[in-house]
Amino acid sequence: MVGGIVHNSEYSMVKAPEILTRDDGGTIAYHRIIGKSPGVMFLTGFKSDMTGSKAIALEELCRRRGQGFIRFDYFGHGQSSGAFEDGTIGRWKDDAVCTLDQLTEGPQVIVGSSMGGWIMLLTALQDLSFQSVLNDK
C-alpha cells in the first residue's frame, strides 16, 4: 500500500510496455490508459523507472477515476533504449515532450517525482514557448 492506495501489481507488472520510436531512432517504453481529461503524465526521478511505486499508485488512481494516464522510461532508463551514462537532462526533457506530443490528447496534469519535477518544468516551459509562437501567427 502506498499513500492509501492498494497496488494491483498483477496488471501493472505483467503487461509488456508499448514502444514509441523517436525521430532519431531511440525508443521510449511506456504504459498508457486512454481515459477522460485531463490526463495525467508521470515523470520519474533520476535513475528510476516507470515500474516504481509512485507511478503504479498514480496509474491505479487514474484507472479508478477513468482518467487518461501515461508513464514512461527516459533514454537509458528501464525498458527504453540507450545507456544511462549517455543521457542528459535535455535528452530526458525531449523524451517527455515527445511522449506528451505523440501519446496524449487534450489537457494534461504533469506530475514529476524528484528529477521528474525539473523535467516537468522544462517540458511545460517548452510547451508554453511553442504555444506563444503558434499564437503569434
N, C-alpha and C. Protein backbone atom coordinates (compact mmCIF):
# COMPACT_ATOMS: atom_id res chain seq x y z
N MET A 1 0.85 -1.17 0.00
CA MET A 1 0.00 0.00 0.00
C MET A 1 0.90 1.24 0.00
N VAL A 2 0.59 2.19 -0.87
CA VAL A 2 1.32 3.45 -0.93
C VAL A 2 0.31 4.57 -0.87
N GLY A 3 0.44 5.48 0.08
CA GLY A 3 -0.46 6.62 0.18
C GLY A 3 -1.92 6.22 0.26
N GLY A 4 -2.21 5.08 0.86
CA GLY A 4 -3.59 4.65 0.98
C GLY A 4 -4.14 3.96 -0.26
N ILE A 5 -3.29 3.71 -1.24
CA ILE A 5 -3.75 3.08 -2.48
C ILE A 5 -3.17 1.67 -2.53
N VAL A 6 -4.01 0.69 -2.70
CA VAL A 6 -3.56 -0.69 -2.80
C VAL A 6 -3.13 -0.97 -4.23
N HIS A 7 -1.97 -1.52 -4.40
CA HIS A 7 -1.44 -1.83 -5.73
C HIS A 7 -2.06 -3.08 -6.31
N ASN A 8 -2.37 -3.03 -7.58
CA ASN A 8 -2.77 -4.20 -8.33
C ASN A 8 -1.57 -4.56 -9.19
N SER A 9 -0.54 -5.09 -8.55
CA SER A 9 0.72 -5.33 -9.25
C SER A 9 0.60 -6.37 -10.34
N GLU A 10 -0.40 -7.24 -10.30
CA GLU A 10 -0.55 -8.22 -11.36
C GLU A 10 -0.72 -7.53 -12.70
N TYR A 11 -1.58 -6.52 -12.78
CA TYR A 11 -1.80 -5.83 -14.05
C TYR A 11 -0.58 -5.01 -14.44
N SER A 12 -0.08 -4.22 -13.52
CA SER A 12 0.96 -3.25 -13.83
C SER A 12 2.29 -3.88 -14.18
N MET A 13 2.61 -5.00 -13.60
CA MET A 13 3.92 -5.58 -13.80
C MET A 13 3.96 -6.67 -14.88
N VAL A 14 2.83 -7.23 -15.26
CA VAL A 14 2.82 -8.32 -16.22
C VAL A 14 2.72 -7.81 -17.65
N LYS A 15 1.95 -6.79 -17.87
CA LYS A 15 1.73 -6.27 -19.21
C LYS A 15 3.02 -5.65 -19.76
N ALA A 16 3.42 -6.08 -20.95
CA ALA A 16 4.62 -5.53 -21.59
C ALA A 16 4.35 -4.09 -22.02
N PRO A 17 5.36 -3.23 -21.94
CA PRO A 17 5.15 -1.84 -22.36
C PRO A 17 4.99 -1.72 -23.86
N GLU A 18 4.33 -0.65 -24.27
CA GLU A 18 4.31 -0.28 -25.67
C GLU A 18 5.58 0.51 -25.95
N ILE A 19 5.92 0.69 -27.23
CA ILE A 19 7.16 1.36 -27.61
C ILE A 19 6.86 2.48 -28.60
N LEU A 20 7.39 3.66 -28.29
CA LEU A 20 7.34 4.81 -29.19
C LEU A 20 8.74 5.01 -29.74
N THR A 21 8.86 5.10 -31.07
CA THR A 21 10.17 5.32 -31.70
C THR A 21 10.31 6.80 -32.02
N ARG A 22 11.37 7.40 -31.49
CA ARG A 22 11.66 8.81 -31.73
C ARG A 22 12.22 8.99 -33.14
N ASP A 23 12.22 10.22 -33.64
CA ASP A 23 12.76 10.52 -34.96
C ASP A 23 14.23 10.13 -35.09
N ASP A 24 14.98 10.15 -33.97
CA ASP A 24 16.40 9.80 -34.02
C ASP A 24 16.65 8.30 -33.90
N GLY A 25 15.57 7.50 -33.85
CA GLY A 25 15.69 6.05 -33.77
C GLY A 25 15.65 5.50 -32.36
N GLY A 26 15.79 6.35 -31.35
CA GLY A 26 15.68 5.90 -29.97
C GLY A 26 14.26 5.47 -29.66
N THR A 27 14.11 4.61 -28.67
CA THR A 27 12.78 4.13 -28.31
C THR A 27 12.44 4.51 -26.87
N ILE A 28 11.16 4.80 -26.67
CA ILE A 28 10.63 5.14 -25.35
C ILE A 28 9.59 4.07 -25.00
N ALA A 29 9.84 3.36 -23.92
CA ALA A 29 8.88 2.36 -23.43
C ALA A 29 7.84 3.07 -22.56
N TYR A 30 6.57 2.69 -22.71
CA TYR A 30 5.53 3.36 -21.95
C TYR A 30 4.33 2.45 -21.69
N HIS A 31 3.55 2.86 -20.70
CA HIS A 31 2.24 2.27 -20.41
C HIS A 31 1.25 3.43 -20.42
N ARG A 32 0.11 3.21 -21.05
CA ARG A 32 -0.88 4.28 -21.19
C ARG A 32 -2.28 3.75 -20.97
N ILE A 33 -3.09 4.60 -20.35
CA ILE A 33 -4.53 4.36 -20.21
C ILE A 33 -5.21 5.47 -20.99
N ILE A 34 -6.11 5.11 -21.88
CA ILE A 34 -6.93 6.09 -22.56
C ILE A 34 -8.12 6.38 -21.64
N GLY A 35 -8.37 7.65 -21.37
CA GLY A 35 -9.46 7.99 -20.46
C GLY A 35 -9.84 9.45 -20.58
N LYS A 36 -10.65 9.88 -19.63
CA LYS A 36 -11.17 11.24 -19.68
C LYS A 36 -10.08 12.26 -19.33
N SER A 37 -10.38 13.49 -19.68
CA SER A 37 -9.49 14.61 -19.49
C SER A 37 -9.79 15.31 -18.17
N PRO A 38 -8.80 15.90 -17.53
CA PRO A 38 -7.42 15.97 -18.00
C PRO A 38 -6.71 14.66 -17.75
N GLY A 39 -5.79 14.35 -18.65
CA GLY A 39 -4.95 13.17 -18.46
C GLY A 39 -3.85 13.48 -17.46
N VAL A 40 -3.18 12.45 -17.01
CA VAL A 40 -2.07 12.58 -16.07
C VAL A 40 -0.85 11.92 -16.68
N MET A 41 0.27 12.64 -16.66
CA MET A 41 1.53 12.13 -17.18
C MET A 41 2.52 12.10 -16.01
N PHE A 42 3.12 10.94 -15.75
CA PHE A 42 4.05 10.81 -14.64
C PHE A 42 5.49 10.78 -15.13
N LEU A 43 6.33 11.63 -14.55
CA LEU A 43 7.76 11.70 -14.88
C LEU A 43 8.56 11.20 -13.68
N THR A 44 9.35 10.19 -13.90
CA THR A 44 10.11 9.56 -12.81
C THR A 44 11.32 10.39 -12.41
N GLY A 45 11.94 9.97 -11.34
CA GLY A 45 13.15 10.62 -10.85
C GLY A 45 14.41 10.03 -11.46
N PHE A 46 15.54 10.57 -11.04
CA PHE A 46 16.87 10.17 -11.51
C PHE A 46 17.12 8.69 -11.22
N LYS A 47 17.47 7.95 -12.25
CA LYS A 47 17.75 6.51 -12.17
C LYS A 47 16.54 5.68 -11.73
N SER A 48 15.35 6.24 -11.83
CA SER A 48 14.12 5.50 -11.53
C SER A 48 13.48 5.10 -12.85
N ASP A 49 12.55 4.18 -12.78
CA ASP A 49 11.83 3.81 -14.00
C ASP A 49 10.33 3.79 -13.73
N MET A 50 9.58 3.52 -14.77
CA MET A 50 8.12 3.62 -14.71
C MET A 50 7.46 2.50 -13.90
N THR A 51 8.24 1.57 -13.35
CA THR A 51 7.65 0.50 -12.56
C THR A 51 7.68 0.80 -11.06
N GLY A 52 8.10 2.01 -10.69
CA GLY A 52 8.17 2.38 -9.28
C GLY A 52 6.80 2.52 -8.64
N SER A 53 6.78 2.50 -7.32
CA SER A 53 5.53 2.51 -6.57
C SER A 53 4.71 3.78 -6.79
N LYS A 54 5.36 4.94 -6.95
CA LYS A 54 4.59 6.17 -7.18
C LYS A 54 3.87 6.12 -8.52
N ALA A 55 4.57 5.68 -9.55
CA ALA A 55 3.96 5.59 -10.89
C ALA A 55 2.79 4.62 -10.89
N ILE A 56 2.97 3.48 -10.26
CA ILE A 56 1.92 2.45 -10.24
C ILE A 56 0.72 2.92 -9.43
N ALA A 57 0.97 3.55 -8.29
CA ALA A 57 -0.14 4.04 -7.45
C ALA A 57 -0.94 5.11 -8.19
N LEU A 58 -0.26 6.02 -8.85
CA LEU A 58 -0.95 7.08 -9.59
C LEU A 58 -1.74 6.51 -10.77
N GLU A 59 -1.15 5.51 -11.44
CA GLU A 59 -1.86 4.85 -12.53
C GLU A 59 -3.16 4.22 -12.03
N GLU A 60 -3.09 3.55 -10.91
CA GLU A 60 -4.28 2.88 -10.39
C GLU A 60 -5.35 3.88 -9.96
N LEU A 61 -4.93 5.02 -9.42
CA LEU A 61 -5.89 6.07 -9.08
C LEU A 61 -6.58 6.58 -10.35
N CYS A 62 -5.81 6.83 -11.39
CA CYS A 62 -6.39 7.30 -12.66
C CYS A 62 -7.30 6.25 -13.27
N ARG A 63 -6.91 5.00 -13.19
CA ARG A 63 -7.75 3.92 -13.73
C ARG A 63 -9.11 3.90 -13.02
N ARG A 64 -9.10 4.01 -11.71
CA ARG A 64 -10.36 4.02 -10.95
C ARG A 64 -11.22 5.23 -11.30
N ARG A 65 -10.59 6.35 -11.58
CA ARG A 65 -11.32 7.59 -11.89
C ARG A 65 -11.69 7.70 -13.37
N GLY A 66 -11.18 6.77 -14.18
CA GLY A 66 -11.47 6.81 -15.61
C GLY A 66 -10.66 7.86 -16.37
N GLN A 67 -9.57 8.32 -15.76
CA GLN A 67 -8.74 9.35 -16.38
C GLN A 67 -7.65 8.76 -17.24
N GLY A 68 -7.27 9.52 -18.27
CA GLY A 68 -6.12 9.13 -19.06
C GLY A 68 -4.87 9.20 -18.21
N PHE A 69 -3.90 8.35 -18.51
CA PHE A 69 -2.65 8.30 -17.75
C PHE A 69 -1.54 7.74 -18.62
N ILE A 70 -0.35 8.27 -18.45
CA ILE A 70 0.82 7.71 -19.12
C ILE A 70 2.03 7.78 -18.21
N ARG A 71 2.81 6.71 -18.22
CA ARG A 71 4.11 6.65 -17.54
C ARG A 71 5.08 6.07 -18.54
N PHE A 72 6.34 6.48 -18.48
CA PHE A 72 7.31 6.05 -19.46
C PHE A 72 8.71 6.05 -18.87
N ASP A 73 9.62 5.42 -19.59
CA ASP A 73 11.04 5.41 -19.20
C ASP A 73 11.81 6.36 -20.10
N TYR A 74 12.65 7.20 -19.49
CA TYR A 74 13.52 8.08 -20.26
C TYR A 74 14.62 7.26 -20.95
N PHE A 75 15.32 7.88 -21.88
CA PHE A 75 16.50 7.32 -22.53
C PHE A 75 17.46 6.80 -21.44
N GLY A 76 17.90 5.55 -21.61
CA GLY A 76 18.85 4.97 -20.67
C GLY A 76 18.25 4.51 -19.35
N HIS A 77 16.96 4.54 -19.23
CA HIS A 77 16.26 4.11 -18.02
C HIS A 77 15.35 2.94 -18.37
N GLY A 78 15.17 2.04 -17.43
CA GLY A 78 14.18 0.97 -17.57
C GLY A 78 14.25 0.25 -18.90
N GLN A 79 13.12 0.25 -19.62
CA GLN A 79 13.00 -0.52 -20.86
C GLN A 79 13.15 0.32 -22.13
N SER A 80 13.53 1.59 -21.97
CA SER A 80 13.79 2.43 -23.14
C SER A 80 15.21 2.19 -23.63
N SER A 81 15.48 2.64 -24.86
CA SER A 81 16.80 2.42 -25.44
C SER A 81 17.83 3.36 -24.82
N GLY A 82 19.10 3.05 -25.09
CA GLY A 82 20.19 3.93 -24.69
C GLY A 82 20.86 3.51 -23.39
N ALA A 83 22.05 4.05 -23.21
CA ALA A 83 22.83 3.82 -21.99
C ALA A 83 22.64 5.02 -21.06
N PHE A 84 22.40 4.74 -19.79
CA PHE A 84 22.15 5.80 -18.83
C PHE A 84 23.23 6.89 -18.88
N GLU A 85 24.48 6.49 -18.94
CA GLU A 85 25.58 7.46 -18.90
C GLU A 85 25.61 8.38 -20.13
N ASP A 86 24.88 8.04 -21.18
CA ASP A 86 24.78 8.91 -22.36
C ASP A 86 23.59 9.86 -22.28
N GLY A 87 22.81 9.76 -21.22
CA GLY A 87 21.63 10.61 -21.06
C GLY A 87 21.98 11.97 -20.49
N THR A 88 21.11 12.94 -20.74
CA THR A 88 21.25 14.29 -20.20
C THR A 88 19.87 14.79 -19.82
N ILE A 89 19.83 15.83 -19.00
CA ILE A 89 18.55 16.44 -18.66
C ILE A 89 17.82 16.87 -19.94
N GLY A 90 18.55 17.46 -20.88
CA GLY A 90 17.95 17.90 -22.14
C GLY A 90 17.36 16.75 -22.93
N ARG A 91 18.06 15.63 -22.99
CA ARG A 91 17.56 14.46 -23.71
C ARG A 91 16.30 13.91 -23.02
N TRP A 92 16.34 13.86 -21.69
CA TRP A 92 15.19 13.33 -20.96
C TRP A 92 13.99 14.27 -21.08
N LYS A 93 14.24 15.57 -21.13
CA LYS A 93 13.16 16.53 -21.38
C LYS A 93 12.58 16.30 -22.76
N ASP A 94 13.45 16.06 -23.75
CA ASP A 94 12.97 15.78 -25.11
C ASP A 94 12.12 14.50 -25.14
N ASP A 95 12.48 13.50 -24.34
CA ASP A 95 11.66 12.28 -24.25
C ASP A 95 10.27 12.63 -23.70
N ALA A 96 10.23 13.49 -22.68
CA ALA A 96 8.95 13.88 -22.10
C ALA A 96 8.11 14.66 -23.11
N VAL A 97 8.72 15.59 -23.83
CA VAL A 97 8.00 16.37 -24.84
C VAL A 97 7.49 15.46 -25.95
N CYS A 98 8.32 14.54 -26.41
CA CYS A 98 7.92 13.60 -27.45
C CYS A 98 6.73 12.75 -26.98
N THR A 99 6.80 12.25 -25.76
CA THR A 99 5.72 11.45 -25.20
C THR A 99 4.45 12.28 -25.09
N LEU A 100 4.56 13.48 -24.59
CA LEU A 100 3.41 14.37 -24.45
C LEU A 100 2.78 14.66 -25.81
N ASP A 101 3.61 15.01 -26.78
CA ASP A 101 3.10 15.37 -28.12
C ASP A 101 2.52 14.18 -28.88
N GLN A 102 3.17 13.04 -28.77
CA GLN A 102 2.78 11.89 -29.59
C GLN A 102 1.71 10.98 -28.96
N LEU A 103 1.64 10.97 -27.64
CA LEU A 103 0.82 9.94 -26.99
C LEU A 103 -0.31 10.47 -26.11
N THR A 104 -0.46 11.78 -26.02
CA THR A 104 -1.54 12.32 -25.21
C THR A 104 -2.42 13.25 -26.03
N GLU A 105 -3.64 13.46 -25.55
CA GLU A 105 -4.57 14.40 -26.19
C GLU A 105 -5.17 15.27 -25.12
N GLY A 106 -5.37 16.53 -25.45
CA GLY A 106 -6.02 17.46 -24.53
C GLY A 106 -5.15 17.84 -23.36
N PRO A 107 -5.77 18.51 -22.39
CA PRO A 107 -5.02 18.97 -21.22
C PRO A 107 -4.41 17.81 -20.44
N GLN A 108 -3.21 18.05 -19.90
CA GLN A 108 -2.52 17.05 -19.11
C GLN A 108 -2.05 17.66 -17.80
N VAL A 109 -2.15 16.90 -16.72
CA VAL A 109 -1.53 17.25 -15.45
C VAL A 109 -0.22 16.48 -15.44
N ILE A 110 0.89 17.20 -15.42
CA ILE A 110 2.20 16.54 -15.44
C ILE A 110 2.72 16.48 -14.01
N VAL A 111 2.97 15.26 -13.55
CA VAL A 111 3.43 15.01 -12.19
C VAL A 111 4.87 14.53 -12.27
N GLY A 112 5.77 15.23 -11.60
CA GLY A 112 7.18 14.84 -11.60
C GLY A 112 7.65 14.50 -10.21
N SER A 113 8.38 13.40 -10.10
CA SER A 113 8.97 12.99 -8.84
C SER A 113 10.46 13.29 -8.88
N SER A 114 10.95 14.05 -7.92
CA SER A 114 12.37 14.38 -7.82
C SER A 114 12.85 15.03 -9.12
N MET A 115 13.82 14.44 -9.81
CA MET A 115 14.31 15.00 -11.07
C MET A 115 13.17 15.17 -12.06
N GLY A 116 12.16 14.34 -11.98
CA GLY A 116 11.00 14.47 -12.85
C GLY A 116 10.28 15.79 -12.69
N GLY A 117 10.39 16.41 -11.51
CA GLY A 117 9.82 17.73 -11.30
C GLY A 117 10.54 18.78 -12.14
N TRP A 118 11.85 18.67 -12.23
CA TRP A 118 12.65 19.57 -13.06
C TRP A 118 12.31 19.35 -14.54
N ILE A 119 12.23 18.10 -14.96
CA ILE A 119 11.91 17.80 -16.35
C ILE A 119 10.49 18.27 -16.67
N MET A 120 9.57 18.13 -15.71
CA MET A 120 8.20 18.61 -15.90
C MET A 120 8.20 20.11 -16.16
N LEU A 121 8.97 20.86 -15.39
CA LEU A 121 9.04 22.31 -15.57
C LEU A 121 9.61 22.66 -16.94
N LEU A 122 10.69 21.99 -17.35
CA LEU A 122 11.28 22.25 -18.66
C LEU A 122 10.31 21.90 -19.79
N THR A 123 9.55 20.83 -19.61
CA THR A 123 8.56 20.41 -20.60
C THR A 123 7.46 21.46 -20.71
N ALA A 124 6.97 21.93 -19.58
CA ALA A 124 5.91 22.94 -19.59
C ALA A 124 6.41 24.24 -20.21
N LEU A 125 7.64 24.65 -19.88
CA LEU A 125 8.20 25.87 -20.46
C LEU A 125 8.34 25.76 -21.97
N GLN A 126 8.78 24.61 -22.46
CA GLN A 126 8.90 24.41 -23.91
C GLN A 126 7.53 24.48 -24.56
N ASP A 127 6.53 23.87 -23.93
CA ASP A 127 5.18 23.89 -24.48
C ASP A 127 4.64 25.32 -24.50
N LEU A 128 4.90 26.10 -23.46
CA LEU A 128 4.45 27.50 -23.43
C LEU A 128 5.12 28.30 -24.54
N SER A 129 6.40 28.07 -24.77
CA SER A 129 7.11 28.76 -25.85
C SER A 129 6.51 28.39 -27.19
N PHE A 130 6.20 27.13 -27.39
CA PHE A 130 5.61 26.66 -28.63
C PHE A 130 4.23 27.29 -28.83
N GLN A 131 3.42 27.32 -27.75
CA GLN A 131 2.10 27.93 -27.84
C GLN A 131 2.20 29.41 -28.18
N SER A 132 3.20 30.09 -27.62
CA SER A 132 3.38 31.52 -27.91
C SER A 132 3.68 31.75 -29.38
N VAL A 133 4.52 30.90 -29.96
CA VAL A 133 4.86 31.00 -31.38
C VAL A 133 3.60 30.78 -32.22
N LEU A 134 2.81 29.78 -31.87
CA LEU A 134 1.57 29.50 -32.61
C LEU A 134 0.60 30.66 -32.52
N ASN A 135 0.48 31.26 -31.35
CA ASN A 135 -0.46 32.35 -31.16
C ASN A 135 -0.02 33.62 -31.88
N ASP A 136 1.28 33.79 -32.12
CA ASP A 136 1.79 34.96 -32.83
C ASP A 136 1.53 34.91 -34.32
N LYS A 137 1.19 33.73 -34.85
CA LYS A 137 0.99 33.58 -36.30
C LYS A 137 -0.41 33.88 -36.71
